[in-house]
């Protein structure tokens, strides 16, 4: 539909592989069958809530903070999907909390932005060598 009704718009397919930790290759195969190679990019969400929210007993007392191992697993899935489909991955739903928060409403702790900035210094763009 995008190509027909909005030919100049870019569109992405959301990565929804709920069992990715156990079967990334099957997920990649499913996305190929779905036609992901015809999209312009894939979209992956980091987390729909700050890790501190998930840590609360009322929300399951789950540990959603990133260790290097957890981050590597997530990054590995995104890399595998990008390579399998041949499209870049756009991240969204990156939690805005940080470890200085006090785990109250709208002030939950999260380490994902800190982790990303600690491991990815930045993205720098430039034209490179200019031809004379």
N, C-alpha and C. Protein backbone atom coordinates (compact mmCIF):
# COMPACT_ATOMS: atom_id res chain seq x y z
N UNK A 1 0.82 -1.19 0.00
CA UNK A 1 0.00 0.00 0.00
C UNK A 1 0.86 1.25 0.00
N UNK A 2 1.96 1.21 0.77
CA UNK A 2 2.80 2.41 0.85
C UNK A 2 3.33 2.77 -0.53
N UNK A 3 3.83 1.81 -1.23
CA UNK A 3 4.40 2.08 -2.56
C UNK A 3 3.33 2.60 -3.52
N UNK A 4 2.09 2.13 -3.37
CA UNK A 4 1.02 2.55 -4.27
C UNK A 4 0.50 3.94 -3.93
N UNK A 5 0.20 4.19 -2.65
CA UNK A 5 -0.47 5.42 -2.26
C UNK A 5 0.47 6.53 -1.77
N UNK A 6 1.67 6.17 -1.40
CA UNK A 6 2.65 7.17 -0.94
C UNK A 6 4.02 6.75 -1.45
N UNK A 7 4.22 6.81 -2.76
CA UNK A 7 5.43 6.24 -3.35
C UNK A 7 6.74 6.88 -2.88
N UNK A 8 6.68 8.06 -2.31
CA UNK A 8 7.90 8.73 -1.85
C UNK A 8 8.13 8.55 -0.35
N UNK A 9 7.24 7.83 0.30
CA UNK A 9 7.38 7.59 1.75
C UNK A 9 8.22 6.34 1.98
N UNK A 10 8.97 6.34 3.07
CA UNK A 10 9.71 5.16 3.48
C UNK A 10 8.86 4.40 4.51
N UNK A 11 8.98 3.10 4.52
CA UNK A 11 8.24 2.34 5.52
C UNK A 11 9.11 1.22 6.08
N UNK A 12 8.81 0.90 7.33
CA UNK A 12 9.56 -0.15 7.99
C UNK A 12 8.64 -1.21 8.56
N UNK A 13 9.20 -2.38 8.76
CA UNK A 13 8.46 -3.48 9.38
C UNK A 13 8.95 -3.63 10.81
N UNK A 14 8.01 -3.70 11.74
CA UNK A 14 8.35 -3.85 13.15
C UNK A 14 8.78 -5.27 13.45
N UNK A 15 9.88 -5.40 14.18
CA UNK A 15 10.35 -6.73 14.57
C UNK A 15 9.56 -7.20 15.78
N UNK A 16 8.79 -8.24 15.57
CA UNK A 16 7.97 -8.79 16.63
C UNK A 16 8.24 -10.29 16.71
N UNK A 17 9.44 -10.61 17.11
CA UNK A 17 9.83 -12.02 17.27
C UNK A 17 9.87 -12.31 18.76
N UNK A 18 8.76 -12.71 19.29
CA UNK A 18 8.67 -12.88 20.74
C UNK A 18 9.56 -13.98 21.26
N UNK A 19 9.93 -14.93 20.43
CA UNK A 19 10.80 -16.01 20.88
C UNK A 19 12.22 -15.86 20.33
N UNK A 20 12.66 -14.63 20.08
CA UNK A 20 13.94 -14.38 19.43
C UNK A 20 15.12 -15.00 20.14
N UNK A 21 15.08 -15.08 21.46
CA UNK A 21 16.24 -15.61 22.18
C UNK A 21 16.48 -17.07 21.85
N UNK A 22 15.45 -17.77 21.48
CA UNK A 22 15.60 -19.18 21.19
C UNK A 22 15.65 -19.50 19.71
N UNK A 23 15.25 -18.56 18.86
CA UNK A 23 15.13 -18.94 17.46
C UNK A 23 15.20 -17.75 16.52
N UNK A 24 16.31 -17.07 16.52
CA UNK A 24 16.47 -15.89 15.66
C UNK A 24 16.43 -16.27 14.19
N UNK A 25 16.99 -17.41 13.84
CA UNK A 25 17.00 -17.82 12.43
C UNK A 25 15.59 -18.07 11.90
N UNK A 26 14.72 -18.65 12.73
CA UNK A 26 13.34 -18.86 12.32
C UNK A 26 12.63 -17.52 12.13
N UNK A 27 12.93 -16.58 13.01
CA UNK A 27 12.35 -15.25 12.89
C UNK A 27 12.80 -14.60 11.58
N UNK A 28 14.08 -14.71 11.27
CA UNK A 28 14.60 -14.14 10.02
C UNK A 28 13.91 -14.78 8.82
N UNK A 29 13.70 -16.08 8.87
CA UNK A 29 13.01 -16.78 7.79
C UNK A 29 11.57 -16.28 7.65
N UNK A 30 10.89 -16.12 8.78
CA UNK A 30 9.51 -15.61 8.76
C UNK A 30 9.44 -14.23 8.13
N UNK A 31 10.40 -13.37 8.47
CA UNK A 31 10.38 -12.01 7.92
C UNK A 31 10.69 -12.00 6.43
N UNK A 32 11.51 -12.92 5.97
CA UNK A 32 11.76 -13.04 4.53
C UNK A 32 10.47 -13.45 3.82
N UNK A 33 9.74 -14.39 4.41
CA UNK A 33 8.46 -14.83 3.83
C UNK A 33 7.45 -13.69 3.80
N UNK A 34 7.48 -12.85 4.86
CA UNK A 34 6.57 -11.71 4.93
C UNK A 34 6.92 -10.59 3.94
N UNK A 35 8.11 -10.68 3.34
CA UNK A 35 8.51 -9.66 2.37
C UNK A 35 9.28 -8.50 2.96
N UNK A 36 9.96 -8.73 4.09
CA UNK A 36 10.69 -7.63 4.74
C UNK A 36 11.76 -7.03 3.84
N UNK A 37 12.25 -7.78 2.88
CA UNK A 37 13.24 -7.25 1.96
C UNK A 37 12.68 -6.10 1.11
N UNK A 38 11.37 -5.97 1.06
CA UNK A 38 10.74 -4.88 0.31
C UNK A 38 10.50 -3.64 1.15
N UNK A 39 10.74 -3.74 2.45
CA UNK A 39 10.63 -2.57 3.33
C UNK A 39 11.88 -1.73 3.17
N UNK A 40 11.86 -0.53 3.72
CA UNK A 40 13.04 0.33 3.69
C UNK A 40 13.92 0.11 4.91
N UNK A 41 13.33 -0.34 6.01
CA UNK A 41 14.06 -0.58 7.25
C UNK A 41 13.23 -1.47 8.15
N UNK A 42 13.87 -1.99 9.18
CA UNK A 42 13.20 -2.74 10.23
C UNK A 42 13.15 -1.86 11.46
N UNK A 43 12.15 -2.06 12.29
CA UNK A 43 11.98 -1.24 13.50
C UNK A 43 11.98 -2.18 14.72
N UNK A 44 12.83 -1.86 15.68
CA UNK A 44 12.90 -2.65 16.91
C UNK A 44 12.70 -1.73 18.10
N UNK A 45 11.92 -2.19 19.04
CA UNK A 45 11.75 -1.40 20.27
C UNK A 45 12.65 -1.97 21.34
N UNK A 46 13.29 -1.07 22.09
CA UNK A 46 14.21 -1.47 23.15
C UNK A 46 13.42 -1.96 24.36
N UNK A 47 12.48 -1.16 24.84
CA UNK A 47 11.63 -1.55 25.97
C UNK A 47 10.47 -0.57 26.06
N UNK A 48 9.32 -1.07 26.42
CA UNK A 48 8.16 -0.18 26.51
C UNK A 48 8.06 0.52 27.86
N UNK A 49 8.94 0.20 28.80
CA UNK A 49 8.95 0.84 30.12
C UNK A 49 10.39 0.91 30.61
N UNK A 50 10.64 1.80 31.53
CA UNK A 50 11.94 1.84 32.20
C UNK A 50 12.12 0.57 33.03
N UNK A 51 13.35 0.13 33.19
CA UNK A 51 13.65 -1.09 33.95
C UNK A 51 13.20 -0.97 35.40
N UNK A 52 13.30 0.23 35.98
CA UNK A 52 12.86 0.43 37.36
C UNK A 52 11.38 0.16 37.54
N UNK A 53 10.58 0.45 36.53
CA UNK A 53 9.14 0.16 36.58
C UNK A 53 8.93 -1.35 36.68
N UNK A 54 9.64 -2.10 35.82
CA UNK A 54 9.51 -3.56 35.84
C UNK A 54 10.00 -4.15 37.16
N UNK A 55 10.96 -3.49 37.82
CA UNK A 55 11.53 -4.00 39.07
C UNK A 55 10.55 -3.90 40.24
N UNK A 56 9.55 -3.04 40.12
CA UNK A 56 8.57 -2.88 41.20
C UNK A 56 7.79 -4.18 41.40
N UNK A 57 7.54 -4.58 42.65
CA UNK A 57 6.75 -5.79 42.91
C UNK A 57 5.39 -5.78 42.21
N UNK A 58 4.76 -4.63 42.13
CA UNK A 58 3.45 -4.54 41.47
C UNK A 58 3.53 -4.82 39.97
N UNK A 59 4.74 -4.77 39.42
CA UNK A 59 4.91 -4.99 37.98
C UNK A 59 5.73 -6.25 37.69
N UNK A 60 5.83 -7.12 38.66
CA UNK A 60 6.45 -8.42 38.43
C UNK A 60 7.85 -8.61 38.97
N UNK A 61 8.44 -7.57 39.55
CA UNK A 61 9.80 -7.67 40.11
C UNK A 61 10.80 -8.27 39.11
N UNK A 62 10.66 -7.87 37.85
CA UNK A 62 11.54 -8.42 36.81
C UNK A 62 12.80 -7.58 36.65
N UNK A 63 13.91 -8.23 36.37
CA UNK A 63 15.18 -7.54 36.14
C UNK A 63 15.32 -7.24 34.65
N UNK A 64 15.00 -6.02 34.27
CA UNK A 64 15.07 -5.61 32.87
C UNK A 64 16.25 -4.68 32.61
N UNK A 65 17.13 -4.54 33.60
CA UNK A 65 18.34 -3.74 33.39
C UNK A 65 19.26 -4.49 32.45
N UNK A 66 20.05 -3.74 31.70
CA UNK A 66 20.98 -4.36 30.75
C UNK A 66 22.31 -4.65 31.41
N UNK A 67 22.74 -5.88 31.28
CA UNK A 67 24.13 -6.22 31.54
C UNK A 67 24.79 -6.24 30.16
N UNK A 68 26.09 -6.34 30.12
CA UNK A 68 26.74 -6.45 28.82
C UNK A 68 26.23 -7.67 28.07
N UNK A 69 25.96 -8.74 28.79
CA UNK A 69 25.47 -9.97 28.15
C UNK A 69 24.07 -9.78 27.56
N UNK A 70 23.18 -9.14 28.31
CA UNK A 70 21.82 -8.90 27.80
C UNK A 70 21.85 -7.96 26.59
N UNK A 71 22.67 -6.91 26.68
CA UNK A 71 22.78 -5.97 25.57
C UNK A 71 23.34 -6.66 24.33
N UNK A 72 24.37 -7.47 24.52
CA UNK A 72 24.97 -8.18 23.39
C UNK A 72 23.97 -9.11 22.72
N UNK A 73 23.13 -9.77 23.53
CA UNK A 73 22.11 -10.65 22.96
C UNK A 73 21.13 -9.86 22.11
N UNK A 74 20.67 -8.74 22.63
CA UNK A 74 19.70 -7.91 21.90
C UNK A 74 20.33 -7.35 20.62
N UNK A 75 21.54 -6.81 20.74
CA UNK A 75 22.23 -6.28 19.57
C UNK A 75 22.48 -7.37 18.54
N UNK A 76 22.78 -8.58 19.02
CA UNK A 76 23.00 -9.70 18.11
C UNK A 76 21.76 -10.05 17.30
N UNK A 77 20.61 -10.00 17.94
CA UNK A 77 19.36 -10.27 17.23
C UNK A 77 19.13 -9.22 16.15
N UNK A 78 19.29 -7.95 16.52
CA UNK A 78 19.08 -6.88 15.54
C UNK A 78 20.05 -7.00 14.38
N UNK A 79 21.30 -7.36 14.67
CA UNK A 79 22.31 -7.54 13.63
C UNK A 79 21.92 -8.69 12.71
N UNK A 80 21.53 -9.81 13.29
CA UNK A 80 21.13 -10.98 12.50
C UNK A 80 19.94 -10.64 11.59
N UNK A 81 18.95 -9.94 12.16
CA UNK A 81 17.78 -9.58 11.35
C UNK A 81 18.17 -8.62 10.22
N UNK A 82 19.00 -7.64 10.53
CA UNK A 82 19.42 -6.68 9.50
C UNK A 82 20.17 -7.39 8.38
N UNK A 83 21.07 -8.27 8.73
CA UNK A 83 21.84 -9.00 7.72
C UNK A 83 20.98 -9.97 6.94
N UNK A 84 20.05 -10.64 7.62
CA UNK A 84 19.19 -11.62 6.96
C UNK A 84 18.26 -10.98 5.95
N UNK A 85 17.71 -9.83 6.31
CA UNK A 85 16.73 -9.16 5.46
C UNK A 85 17.42 -8.16 4.52
N UNK A 86 18.61 -7.72 4.90
CA UNK A 86 19.33 -6.75 4.07
C UNK A 86 18.83 -5.33 4.26
N UNK A 87 18.34 -5.04 5.45
CA UNK A 87 17.81 -3.70 5.75
C UNK A 87 18.35 -3.23 7.09
N UNK A 88 18.51 -1.92 7.26
CA UNK A 88 18.97 -1.41 8.55
C UNK A 88 17.86 -1.48 9.60
N UNK A 89 18.27 -1.39 10.84
CA UNK A 89 17.33 -1.42 11.96
C UNK A 89 17.26 -0.04 12.60
N UNK A 90 16.05 0.44 12.81
CA UNK A 90 15.80 1.69 13.53
C UNK A 90 15.29 1.32 14.92
N UNK A 91 15.89 1.90 15.96
CA UNK A 91 15.45 1.63 17.32
C UNK A 91 14.47 2.70 17.78
N UNK A 92 13.45 2.26 18.50
CA UNK A 92 12.52 3.22 19.11
C UNK A 92 12.16 2.68 20.48
N UNK A 93 11.37 3.41 21.19
CA UNK A 93 11.01 3.09 22.57
C UNK A 93 12.25 2.85 23.42
N UNK A 94 13.22 3.74 23.28
CA UNK A 94 14.39 3.70 24.16
C UNK A 94 13.97 4.40 25.44
N UNK A 95 13.99 3.71 26.57
CA UNK A 95 13.55 4.32 27.82
C UNK A 95 14.33 5.59 28.13
N UNK A 96 13.65 6.56 28.70
CA UNK A 96 14.29 7.84 28.99
C UNK A 96 14.82 7.92 30.41
N UNK A 97 14.51 6.95 31.25
CA UNK A 97 15.00 6.96 32.62
C UNK A 97 16.51 6.81 32.67
N UNK A 98 17.09 7.15 33.80
CA UNK A 98 18.51 6.92 34.01
C UNK A 98 18.70 6.47 35.45
N UNK A 99 19.90 6.09 35.79
CA UNK A 99 20.15 5.48 37.10
C UNK A 99 20.09 6.49 38.24
N UNK A 100 19.99 7.77 37.96
CA UNK A 100 19.87 8.78 39.02
C UNK A 100 18.42 8.99 39.46
N UNK A 101 17.48 8.35 38.79
CA UNK A 101 16.07 8.52 39.14
C UNK A 101 15.74 7.80 40.45
N UNK A 102 14.57 8.12 41.02
CA UNK A 102 14.22 7.56 42.34
C UNK A 102 13.08 6.53 42.30
N UNK A 103 12.76 6.01 41.12
CA UNK A 103 11.73 4.98 40.95
C UNK A 103 10.37 5.38 41.50
N UNK A 104 9.98 6.60 41.19
CA UNK A 104 8.62 7.05 41.44
C UNK A 104 7.98 7.32 40.10
N UNK A 105 6.68 7.56 40.08
CA UNK A 105 5.95 7.76 38.84
C UNK A 105 6.67 8.76 37.93
N UNK A 106 6.92 8.34 36.70
CA UNK A 106 7.60 9.13 35.68
C UNK A 106 9.06 9.43 36.00
N UNK A 107 9.63 8.76 37.00
CA UNK A 107 11.03 8.95 37.37
C UNK A 107 11.69 7.60 37.67
N UNK A 108 11.44 6.62 36.78
CA UNK A 108 11.98 5.29 37.02
C UNK A 108 13.41 5.18 36.50
N UNK A 109 14.18 4.34 37.16
CA UNK A 109 15.55 4.10 36.74
C UNK A 109 15.59 3.23 35.49
N UNK A 110 16.60 3.47 34.67
CA UNK A 110 16.87 2.61 33.53
C UNK A 110 18.32 2.84 33.13
N UNK A 111 18.94 1.82 32.58
CA UNK A 111 20.35 1.93 32.22
C UNK A 111 20.62 1.84 30.72
N UNK A 112 19.57 1.76 29.91
CA UNK A 112 19.80 1.53 28.49
C UNK A 112 20.43 2.73 27.78
N UNK A 113 19.98 3.94 28.08
CA UNK A 113 20.60 5.11 27.46
C UNK A 113 22.04 5.23 27.94
N UNK A 114 22.26 5.02 29.25
CA UNK A 114 23.62 5.05 29.78
C UNK A 114 24.49 4.00 29.08
N UNK A 115 23.94 2.79 28.90
CA UNK A 115 24.70 1.72 28.25
C UNK A 115 25.02 2.11 26.82
N UNK A 116 24.03 2.60 26.10
CA UNK A 116 24.27 2.97 24.70
C UNK A 116 25.34 4.05 24.60
N UNK A 117 25.26 5.09 25.43
CA UNK A 117 26.26 6.15 25.38
C UNK A 117 27.63 5.67 25.84
N UNK A 118 27.68 4.68 26.73
CA UNK A 118 28.96 4.15 27.20
C UNK A 118 29.64 3.28 26.14
N UNK A 119 28.85 2.72 25.24
CA UNK A 119 29.40 1.80 24.25
C UNK A 119 29.40 2.35 22.82
N UNK A 120 28.58 3.33 22.59
CA UNK A 120 28.53 3.95 21.26
C UNK A 120 28.73 5.44 21.49
N UNK A 121 29.91 5.90 21.17
CA UNK A 121 30.26 7.29 21.48
C UNK A 121 29.42 8.28 20.70
N UNK A 122 29.02 7.91 19.52
CA UNK A 122 28.20 8.83 18.71
C UNK A 122 28.26 8.40 17.27
N UNK A 123 27.48 9.07 16.48
CA UNK A 123 27.48 8.85 15.05
C UNK A 123 27.88 10.15 14.39
N UNK A 124 28.92 10.11 13.60
CA UNK A 124 29.42 11.31 12.95
C UNK A 124 29.29 11.15 11.44
N UNK A 125 28.69 12.14 10.80
CA UNK A 125 28.48 12.08 9.37
C UNK A 125 29.31 13.15 8.69
N UNK A 126 29.76 12.87 7.52
CA UNK A 126 30.50 13.86 6.76
C UNK A 126 30.70 13.38 5.35
N UNK A 127 31.00 14.31 4.48
CA UNK A 127 31.17 13.98 3.06
C UNK A 127 32.49 13.27 2.79
N UNK A 128 33.44 13.35 3.70
CA UNK A 128 34.72 12.73 3.46
C UNK A 128 35.60 13.61 2.59
N UNK A 129 36.53 13.00 1.91
CA UNK A 129 37.47 13.73 1.07
C UNK A 129 36.74 14.47 -0.04
N UNK A 130 37.04 15.73 -0.18
CA UNK A 130 36.45 16.55 -1.25
C UNK A 130 37.32 16.46 -2.49
N UNK A 131 36.69 16.20 -3.59
CA UNK A 131 37.41 16.18 -4.87
C UNK A 131 37.56 17.59 -5.37
N UNK A 132 38.71 17.94 -5.89
CA UNK A 132 38.93 19.30 -6.43
C UNK A 132 38.75 19.32 -7.92
